[in-house]
């Protein structure tokens, strides 16, 4: 092989190697995506982990939904087991969940409603129209408390015991079936009474006792 031929071969080698990488990289990316998709099949979005589970509820100083001049702290809600429900009027799933919250409220389950990144006036109209299931309501306009809780969106519900420890986090809509199959025992385990939603008529459910709005 002449010197000129060797030079041509040496000039082609980088191009060949570059072409191989061009073919290999997309294949590697595709395989990686397939692996991630496969792993996601075993992941239940309703049981997203939270770094705050089994930790004390972060303190909060948020205005009341109904009265901007009135503020609440986390300590205001302690004393017995309760739920924290993250909701908003822009959330279609929250409307699906709302009748179940009304029934839980009627059955005596205290619920703290956190109106999340919403418009106050819209939220008040919503609760007046569809009835209010919340024992207390705070307005988290900027999503600051939601950020501390690790909220991804709405609806999300946190189970908090009487001492203020977060014991469970549920992501997604709570239906009667979800409550019966997944959440009722968790509520009882943290000291709440057994609640059978099949015995509660949502048509007769009224606003929860406590602060209006």
C-alpha atoms as a PDB file:
ATOM      1  CA  UNK A   1       0.000   0.000   0.000  1.00  0.00           C
ATOM      2  CA  UNK A   2       1.412   3.356  -0.996  1.00  0.00           C
ATOM      3  CA  UNK A   3       1.808   6.274   1.355  1.00  0.00           C
ATOM      4  CA  UNK A   4      -1.101   8.037  -0.338  1.00  0.00           C
ATOM      5  CA  UNK A   5      -3.369   5.019   0.200  1.00  0.00           C
ATOM      6  CA  UNK A   6      -2.410   4.813   3.871  1.00  0.00           C
ATOM      7  CA  UNK A   7      -3.166   8.487   4.260  1.00  0.00           C
ATOM      8  CA  UNK A   8      -6.631   8.039   2.734  1.00  0.00           C
ATOM      9  CA  UNK A   9      -7.350   5.115   5.090  1.00  0.00           C
ATOM     10  CA  UNK A  10      -6.240   7.100   8.125  1.00  0.00           C
ATOM     11  CA  UNK A  11      -8.449   9.979   7.068  1.00  0.00           C
ATOM     12  CA  UNK A  12     -11.466   7.681   6.713  1.00  0.00           C
ATOM     13  CA  UNK A  13     -11.083   5.996  10.126  1.00  0.00           C
ATOM     14  CA  UNK A  14     -12.317   8.954  12.255  1.00  0.00           C
ATOM     15  CA  UNK A  15     -15.324   9.321   9.968  1.00  0.00           C
ATOM     16  CA  UNK A  16     -16.083   5.608  10.293  1.00  0.00           C
ATOM     17  CA  UNK A  17     -15.803   5.740  14.064  1.00  0.00           C
ATOM     18  CA  UNK A  18     -18.014   8.847  14.142  1.00  0.00           C
ATOM     19  CA  UNK A  19     -20.603   7.077  12.018  1.00  0.00           C
ATOM     20  CA  UNK A  20     -20.654   4.148  14.388  1.00  0.00           C
ATOM     21  CA  UNK A  21     -21.326   6.436  17.350  1.00  0.00           C
ATOM     22  CA  UNK A  22     -24.126   8.132  15.437  1.00  0.00           C
ATOM     23  CA  UNK A  23     -25.803   4.736  15.099  1.00  0.00           C
ATOM     24  CA  UNK A  24     -25.014   3.492  18.630  1.00  0.00           C
ATOM     25  CA  UNK A  25     -26.149   6.547  20.635  1.00  0.00           C
ATOM     26  CA  UNK A  26     -29.820   6.496  19.465  1.00  0.00           C
ATOM     27  CA  UNK A  27     -29.979   2.764  20.152  1.00  0.00           C
ATOM     28  CA  UNK A  28     -28.595   3.281  23.673  1.00  0.00           C
ATOM     29  CA  UNK A  29     -31.072   6.088  24.343  1.00  0.00           C
ATOM     30  CA  UNK A  30     -33.945   3.920  23.092  1.00  0.00           C
ATOM     31  CA  UNK A  31     -32.913   1.021  25.348  1.00  0.00           C
ATOM     32  CA  UNK A  32     -32.663   3.358  28.343  1.00  0.00           C
ATOM     33  CA  UNK A  33     -36.170   4.706  27.693  1.00  0.00           C
ATOM     34  CA  UNK A  34     -37.510   1.163  27.408  1.00  0.00           C
ATOM     35  CA  UNK A  35     -35.963   0.276  30.771  1.00  0.00           C
ATOM     36  CA  UNK A  36     -37.467   3.360  32.425  1.00  0.00           C
ATOM     37  CA  UNK A  37     -40.870   2.585  30.949  1.00  0.00           C
ATOM     38  CA  UNK A  38     -40.684  -1.007  32.193  1.00  0.00           C
ATOM     39  CA  UNK A  39     -39.784   0.118  35.692  1.00  0.00           C
ATOM     40  CA  UNK A  40     -42.653   2.614  35.676  1.00  0.00           C
ATOM     41  CA  UNK A  41     -45.142  -0.206  35.113  1.00  0.00           C
ATOM     42  CA  UNK A  42     -44.657  -1.287  38.726  1.00  0.00           C
ATOM     43  CA  UNK A  43     -44.932   2.280  40.036  1.00  0.00           C
ATOM     44  CA  UNK A  44     -48.242   3.349  41.485  1.00  0.00           C
ATOM     45  CA  UNK A  45     -48.611   7.139  41.132  1.00  0.00           C
ATOM     46  CA  UNK A  46     -51.051   7.129  44.027  1.00  0.00           C
ATOM     47  CA  UNK A  47     -48.344   6.026  46.439  1.00  0.00           C
ATOM     48  CA  UNK A  48     -45.606   8.513  45.575  1.00  0.00           C
ATOM     49  CA  UNK A  49     -43.103   8.588  48.416  1.00  0.00           C
ATOM     50  CA  UNK A  50     -42.782  11.682  50.558  1.00  0.00           C
ATOM     51  CA  UNK A  51     -39.731  12.629  52.574  1.00  0.00           C
ATOM     52  CA  UNK A  52     -42.130  13.984  55.190  1.00  0.00           C
ATOM     53  CA  UNK A  53     -43.888  10.710  55.970  1.00  0.00           C
ATOM     54  CA  UNK A  54     -43.300   9.932  59.665  1.00  0.00           C
ATOM     55  CA  UNK A  55     -42.082  13.471  60.197  1.00  0.00           C
ATOM     56  CA  UNK A  56     -43.763  16.392  61.906  1.00  0.00           C
ATOM     57  CA  UNK A  57     -46.090  18.497  59.806  1.00  0.00           C
ATOM     58  CA  UNK A  58     -44.213  21.606  58.585  1.00  0.00           C
ATOM     59  CA  UNK A  59     -45.339  24.771  60.306  1.00  0.00           C
ATOM     60  CA  UNK A  60     -47.573  27.020  58.313  1.00  0.00           C
ATOM     61  CA  UNK A  61     -48.749  30.600  58.463  1.00  0.00           C
ATOM     62  CA  UNK A  62     -51.334  30.860  55.762  1.00  0.00           C
ATOM     63  CA  UNK A  63     -54.418  33.058  55.505  1.00  0.00           C
ATOM     64  CA  UNK A  64     -57.865  31.645  55.965  1.00  0.00           C
ATOM     65  CA  UNK A  65     -59.600  31.111  52.651  1.00  0.00           C
ATOM     66  CA  UNK A  66     -62.661  33.015  53.811  1.00  0.00           C
ATOM     67  CA  UNK A  67     -60.878  35.742  55.799  1.00  0.00           C
ATOM     68  CA  UNK A  68     -57.512  37.003  54.482  1.00  0.00           C
ATOM     69  CA  UNK A  69     -56.919  38.860  57.753  1.00  0.00           C
ATOM     70  CA  UNK A  70     -56.978  35.605  59.725  1.00  0.00           C
ATOM     71  CA  UNK A  71     -53.977  33.275  59.615  1.00  0.00           C
ATOM     72  CA  UNK A  72     -53.505  29.655  60.621  1.00  0.00           C
ATOM     73  CA  UNK A  73     -50.533  27.699  61.942  1.00  0.00           C
ATOM     74  CA  UNK A  74     -50.086  23.935  61.784  1.00  0.00           C
ATOM     75  CA  UNK A  75     -50.630  23.720  65.549  1.00  0.00           C
ATOM     76  CA  UNK A  76     -54.195  24.998  65.085  1.00  0.00           C
ATOM     77  CA  UNK A  77     -55.220  21.678  63.554  1.00  0.00           C
ATOM     78  CA  UNK A  78     -53.709  19.240  66.046  1.00  0.00           C
ATOM     79  CA  UNK A  79     -55.459  17.269  68.794  1.00  0.00           C
ATOM     80  CA  UNK A  80     -57.003  14.452  66.779  1.00  0.00           C
ATOM     81  CA  UNK A  81     -56.279  12.672  63.502  1.00  0.00           C
ATOM     82  CA  UNK A  82     -57.177  14.643  60.391  1.00  0.00           C
ATOM     83  CA  UNK A  83     -56.649  14.803  56.648  1.00  0.00           C
ATOM     84  CA  UNK A  84     -55.022  17.536  54.589  1.00  0.00           C
ATOM     85  CA  UNK A  85     -56.597  17.789  51.151  1.00  0.00           C
ATOM     86  CA  UNK A  86     -54.803  19.746  48.427  1.00  0.00           C
ATOM     87  CA  UNK A  87     -57.378  21.031  45.965  1.00  0.00           C
ATOM     88  CA  UNK A  88     -58.109  23.766  43.423  1.00  0.00           C
ATOM     89  CA  UNK A  89     -60.934  24.899  41.191  1.00  0.00           C
ATOM     90  CA  UNK A  90     -58.728  24.367  38.118  1.00  0.00           C
ATOM     91  CA  UNK A  91     -58.408  20.677  39.025  1.00  0.00           C
ATOM     92  CA  UNK A  92     -61.037  18.460  37.294  1.00  0.00           C
ATOM     93  CA  UNK A  93     -60.132  15.484  39.482  1.00  0.00           C
ATOM     94  CA  UNK A  94     -60.876  17.542  42.596  1.00  0.00           C
ATOM     95  CA  UNK A  95     -64.471  17.909  41.447  1.00  0.00           C
ATOM     96  CA  UNK A  96     -64.686  14.136  40.980  1.00  0.00           C
ATOM     97  CA  UNK A  97     -63.370  13.651  44.505  1.00  0.00           C
ATOM     98  CA  UNK A  98     -65.563  16.296  46.140  1.00  0.00           C
ATOM     99  CA  UNK A  99     -68.631  14.110  46.888  1.00  0.00           C
ATOM    100  CA  UNK A 100     -66.408  11.636  48.738  1.00  0.00           C
ATOM    101  CA  UNK A 101     -64.933  14.445  50.825  1.00  0.00           C
ATOM    102  CA  UNK A 102     -68.451  15.569  51.712  1.00  0.00           C
ATOM    103  CA  UNK A 103     -69.293  12.061  52.881  1.00  0.00           C
ATOM    104  CA  UNK A 104     -66.091  11.800  54.903  1.00  0.00           C
ATOM    105  CA  UNK A 105     -66.915  15.109  56.526  1.00  0.00           C
ATOM    106  CA  UNK A 106     -70.453  13.973  57.296  1.00  0.00           C
ATOM    107  CA  UNK A 107     -68.993  10.823  58.874  1.00  0.00           C
ATOM    108  CA  UNK A 108     -66.889  12.933  61.201  1.00  0.00           C
ATOM    109  CA  UNK A 109     -63.491  12.941  59.496  1.00  0.00           C
ATOM    110  CA  UNK A 110     -61.843  16.369  60.004  1.00  0.00           C
ATOM    111  CA  UNK A 111     -60.352  17.698  56.770  1.00  0.00           C
ATOM    112  CA  UNK A 112     -58.081  20.676  56.324  1.00  0.00           C
ATOM    113  CA  UNK A 113     -58.613  22.067  52.847  1.00  0.00           C
ATOM    114  CA  UNK A 114     -55.590  23.711  51.235  1.00  0.00           C
ATOM    115  CA  UNK A 115     -56.684  25.754  48.245  1.00  0.00           C
ATOM    116  CA  UNK A 116     -53.598  25.456  46.077  1.00  0.00           C
ATOM    117  CA  UNK A 117     -52.359  28.045  43.561  1.00  0.00           C
ATOM    118  CA  UNK A 118     -55.896  29.211  42.939  1.00  0.00           C
ATOM    119  CA  UNK A 119     -58.035  32.345  42.826  1.00  0.00           C
ATOM    120  CA  UNK A 120     -59.648  33.016  46.202  1.00  0.00           C
ATOM    121  CA  UNK A 121     -62.952  34.247  44.794  1.00  0.00           C
ATOM    122  CA  UNK A 122     -63.266  31.229  42.511  1.00  0.00           C
ATOM    123  CA  UNK A 123     -62.616  28.876  45.435  1.00  0.00           C
ATOM    124  CA  UNK A 124     -65.264  30.522  47.617  1.00  0.00           C
ATOM    125  CA  UNK A 125     -67.840  30.332  44.832  1.00  0.00           C
ATOM    126  CA  UNK A 126     -66.934  26.688  44.261  1.00  0.00           C
ATOM    127  CA  UNK A 127     -67.455  25.739  47.913  1.00  0.00           C
ATOM    128  CA  UNK A 128     -70.724  27.623  48.068  1.00  0.00           C
ATOM    129  CA  UNK A 129     -71.985  25.878  44.954  1.00  0.00           C
ATOM    130  CA  UNK A 130     -70.811  22.339  45.729  1.00  0.00           C
ATOM    131  CA  UNK A 131     -70.887  22.576  49.556  1.00  0.00           C
ATOM    132  CA  UNK A 132     -67.944  22.749  51.899  1.00  0.00           C
ATOM    133  CA  UNK A 133     -66.437  19.526  53.308  1.00  0.00           C
ATOM    134  CA  UNK A 134     -63.606  21.248  55.175  1.00  0.00           C
ATOM    135  CA  UNK A 135     -63.311  21.799  58.906  1.00  0.00           C
ATOM    136  CA  UNK A 136     -60.722  24.474  58.125  1.00  0.00           C
ATOM    137  CA  UNK A 137     -59.599  26.080  54.882  1.00  0.00           C
ATOM    138  CA  UNK A 138     -56.375  27.917  54.111  1.00  0.00           C
ATOM    139  CA  UNK A 139     -55.327  29.727  50.968  1.00  0.00           C
ATOM    140  CA  UNK A 140     -51.944  28.691  49.568  1.00  0.00           C
ATOM    141  CA  UNK A 141     -51.891  31.094  46.650  1.00  0.00           C
ATOM    142  CA  UNK A 142     -48.167  30.781  45.927  1.00  0.00           C
ATOM    143  CA  UNK A 143     -47.984  27.072  46.714  1.00  0.00           C
ATOM    144  CA  UNK A 144     -45.437  27.684  49.483  1.00  0.00           C
ATOM    145  CA  UNK A 145     -46.844  25.143  51.944  1.00  0.00           C
ATOM    146  CA  UNK A 146     -47.492  22.737  49.116  1.00  0.00           C
ATOM    147  CA  UNK A 147     -43.806  23.025  48.235  1.00  0.00           C
ATOM    148  CA  UNK A 148     -42.813  22.176  51.819  1.00  0.00           C
ATOM    149  CA  UNK A 149     -45.117  19.162  51.735  1.00  0.00           C
ATOM    150  CA  UNK A 150     -43.642  18.018  48.423  1.00  0.00           C
ATOM    151  CA  UNK A 151     -46.930  18.418  46.559  1.00  0.00           C
ATOM    152  CA  UNK A 152     -46.869  17.497  42.867  1.00  0.00           C
ATOM    153  CA  UNK A 153     -50.344  18.797  42.076  1.00  0.00           C
ATOM    154  CA  UNK A 154     -53.956  18.267  43.018  1.00  0.00           C
ATOM    155  CA  UNK A 155     -55.633  16.384  44.450  1.00  0.00           C
ATOM    156  CA  UNK A 156     -53.310  15.025  47.102  1.00  0.00           C
ATOM    157  CA  UNK A 157     -54.248  13.995  50.620  1.00  0.00           C
ATOM    158  CA  UNK A 158     -52.030  13.681  53.676  1.00  0.00           C
ATOM    159  CA  UNK A 159     -52.970  11.651  56.753  1.00  0.00           C
ATOM    160  CA  UNK A 160     -51.832  13.373  59.954  1.00  0.00           C
ATOM    161  CA  UNK A 161     -52.104  11.949  63.466  1.00  0.00           C
ATOM    162  CA  UNK A 162     -53.162  13.856  66.580  1.00  0.00           C
ATOM    163  CA  UNK A 163     -49.574  14.871  67.355  1.00  0.00           C
ATOM    164  CA  UNK A 164     -48.966  16.340  63.920  1.00  0.00           C
ATOM    165  CA  UNK A 165     -47.000  13.474  62.367  1.00  0.00           C
ATOM    166  CA  UNK A 166     -47.613  12.788  58.687  1.00  0.00           C
ATOM    167  CA  UNK A 167     -48.238   9.056  58.470  1.00  0.00           C
ATOM    168  CA  UNK A 168     -49.349   8.649  54.851  1.00  0.00           C
ATOM    169  CA  UNK A 169     -49.660  10.460  51.563  1.00  0.00           C
ATOM    170  CA  UNK A 170     -52.225   9.643  48.884  1.00  0.00           C
ATOM    171  CA  UNK A 171     -51.899  11.075  45.377  1.00  0.00           C
ATOM    172  CA  UNK A 172     -55.015  11.183  43.248  1.00  0.00           C
ATOM    173  CA  UNK A 173     -58.768  10.995  43.665  1.00  0.00           C
ATOM    174  CA  UNK A 174     -60.283   9.461  46.801  1.00  0.00           C
ATOM    175  CA  UNK A 175     -63.376   7.475  45.893  1.00  0.00           C
ATOM    176  CA  UNK A 176     -65.522   5.289  48.118  1.00  0.00           C
ATOM    177  CA  UNK A 177     -63.685   2.230  46.797  1.00  0.00           C
ATOM    178  CA  UNK A 178     -60.249   3.767  47.400  1.00  0.00           C
ATOM    179  CA  UNK A 179     -61.282   4.712  50.919  1.00  0.00           C
ATOM    180  CA  UNK A 180     -62.645   1.256  51.664  1.00  0.00           C
ATOM    181  CA  UNK A 181     -59.787  -0.725  50.134  1.00  0.00           C
ATOM    182  CA  UNK A 182     -56.783   1.458  50.868  1.00  0.00           C
ATOM    183  CA  UNK A 183     -57.351   4.368  53.213  1.00  0.00           C
ATOM    184  CA  UNK A 184     -59.861   3.424  55.906  1.00  0.00           C
ATOM    185  CA  UNK A 185     -57.420   1.166  57.725  1.00  0.00           C
ATOM    186  CA  UNK A 186     -54.702   3.793  57.547  1.00  0.00           C
ATOM    187  CA  UNK A 187     -57.049   6.336  59.117  1.00  0.00           C
ATOM    188  CA  UNK A 188     -57.920   3.909  61.916  1.00  0.00           C
ATOM    189  CA  UNK A 189     -54.265   3.002  62.424  1.00  0.00           C
ATOM    190  CA  UNK A 190     -53.430   6.599  63.282  1.00  0.00           C
ATOM    191  CA  UNK A 191     -56.249   6.807  65.821  1.00  0.00           C
ATOM    192  CA  UNK A 192     -59.297   7.693  63.741  1.00  0.00           C
ATOM    193  CA  UNK A 193     -62.635   5.951  64.065  1.00  0.00           C
ATOM    194  CA  UNK A 194     -63.812   3.430  61.518  1.00  0.00           C
ATOM    195  CA  UNK A 195     -65.699   5.149  58.714  1.00  0.00           C
ATOM    196  CA  UNK A 196     -68.016   3.212  56.409  1.00  0.00           C
ATOM    197  CA  UNK A 197     -68.931   5.522  53.544  1.00  0.00           C
ATOM    198  CA  UNK A 198     -71.600   3.128  52.274  1.00  0.00           C
ATOM    199  CA  UNK A 199     -73.759   4.221  55.204  1.00  0.00           C
ATOM    200  CA  UNK A 200     -73.362   7.946  54.502  1.00  0.00           C
ATOM    201  CA  UNK A 201     -75.730   9.681  52.101  1.00  0.00           C
ATOM    202  CA  UNK A 202     -73.785  12.354  50.235  1.00  0.00           C
ATOM    203  CA  UNK A 203     -77.042  14.122  49.394  1.00  0.00           C
ATOM    204  CA  UNK A 204     -77.487  14.823  53.096  1.00  0.00           C
ATOM    205  CA  UNK A 205     -73.864  15.754  53.729  1.00  0.00           C
ATOM    206  CA  UNK A 206     -73.410  19.251  55.076  1.00  0.00           C
ATOM    207  CA  UNK A 207     -70.461  21.530  55.552  1.00  0.00           C
ATOM    208  CA  UNK A 208     -67.980  20.344  58.119  1.00  0.00           C
ATOM    209  CA  UNK A 209     -68.114  21.874  61.586  1.00  0.00           C
ATOM    210  CA  UNK A 210     -65.563  24.532  62.368  1.00  0.00           C
ATOM    211  CA  UNK A 211     -64.535  27.519  60.309  1.00  0.00           C
ATOM    212  CA  UNK A 212     -66.786  28.266  57.383  1.00  0.00           C
ATOM    213  CA  UNK A 213     -64.655  28.465  54.262  1.00  0.00           C
END
